[in-house]
Amino acid sequence: MAIVVNLDVMMAKRKMSLNELSEKVDITLANLSILKTGKAKAVRFSTLEAICKVLDCQPGDILEFVED
């Protein structure tokens, strides 16, 4: 099983850069980049909530389950 992170898709839809999202969510650029590339092993609900609030989306818009 795999969880796919579609953060880049939502950022593109909202025309928001990684730097801008990083500032608005108050998360380091490095950590946001790890999440965006799908290399993160975990994400805090508070971080996910902040991202969803800034991007005006649902968690399911960012995270997707894909079977192998």
Protein backbone atom coordinates (compact mmCIF):
# COMPACT_ATOMS: atom_id res chain seq x y z
CA MET A 1 0.00 0.00 0.00
CA ALA A 2 1.12 3.54 -0.63
CA ILE A 3 0.00 6.98 0.40
CA VAL A 4 0.51 9.49 -2.39
CA VAL A 5 0.94 13.16 -1.48
CA ASN A 6 -0.71 15.50 -4.00
CA LEU A 7 0.41 18.69 -2.32
CA ASP A 8 2.02 19.98 -5.51
CA VAL A 9 -1.28 19.54 -7.37
CA MET A 10 -3.21 21.60 -4.81
CA MET A 11 -0.49 24.25 -4.73
CA ALA A 12 -0.66 24.54 -8.53
CA LYS A 13 -4.46 24.83 -8.43
CA ARG A 14 -4.16 27.66 -5.91
CA LYS A 15 -1.19 29.20 -7.77
CA MET A 16 0.87 29.14 -4.57
CA SER A 17 4.62 28.66 -4.33
CA LEU A 18 6.39 26.46 -1.80
CA ASN A 19 7.89 29.55 -0.18
CA GLU A 20 4.50 31.23 0.18
CA LEU A 21 2.88 28.12 1.64
CA SER A 22 5.82 27.66 3.99
CA GLU A 23 5.37 31.19 5.36
CA LYS A 24 1.59 30.93 5.71
CA VAL A 25 1.65 27.50 7.38
CA ASP A 26 4.69 28.38 9.52
CA ILE A 27 6.63 25.24 8.61
CA THR A 28 10.21 25.16 7.40
CA LEU A 29 10.79 25.05 3.68
CA ALA A 30 12.82 21.85 4.10
CA ASN A 31 10.03 20.02 5.97
CA LEU A 32 7.40 21.20 3.50
CA SER A 33 9.59 20.03 0.63
CA ILE A 34 9.94 16.57 2.23
CA LEU A 35 6.17 16.38 2.52
CA LYS A 36 5.62 17.62 -1.03
CA THR A 37 7.98 15.02 -2.53
CA GLY A 38 6.27 12.20 -0.64
CA LYS A 39 9.36 11.35 1.41
CA ALA A 40 7.73 12.15 4.77
CA LYS A 41 7.03 9.19 7.04
CA ALA A 42 4.40 11.07 9.05
CA VAL A 43 2.49 14.33 9.17
CA ARG A 44 0.97 15.95 12.22
CA PHE A 45 -2.74 16.64 12.12
CA SER A 46 -2.05 20.23 13.12
CA THR A 47 0.25 20.62 10.09
CA LEU A 48 -2.29 18.97 7.79
CA GLU A 49 -5.02 21.22 9.21
CA ALA A 50 -2.94 24.35 8.62
CA ILE A 51 -2.12 23.32 5.04
CA CYS A 52 -5.79 22.58 4.32
CA LYS A 53 -6.83 25.92 5.81
CA VAL A 54 -4.34 27.88 3.69
CA LEU A 55 -5.07 25.93 0.48
CA ASP A 56 -8.84 25.84 1.19
CA CYS A 57 -9.07 22.08 0.64
CA GLN A 58 -9.80 18.80 2.40
CA PRO A 59 -7.16 16.29 3.61
CA GLY A 60 -8.34 13.91 0.89
CA ASP A 61 -7.34 16.48 -1.71
CA ILE A 62 -3.75 16.20 -0.50
CA LEU A 63 -3.44 12.57 0.58
CA GLU A 64 -4.46 9.62 -1.58
CA PHE A 65 -4.31 5.86 -0.93
CA VAL A 66 -3.06 3.79 -3.88
CA GLU A 67 -2.81 0.00 -3.75
CA ASP A 68 0.38 -1.59 -5.04
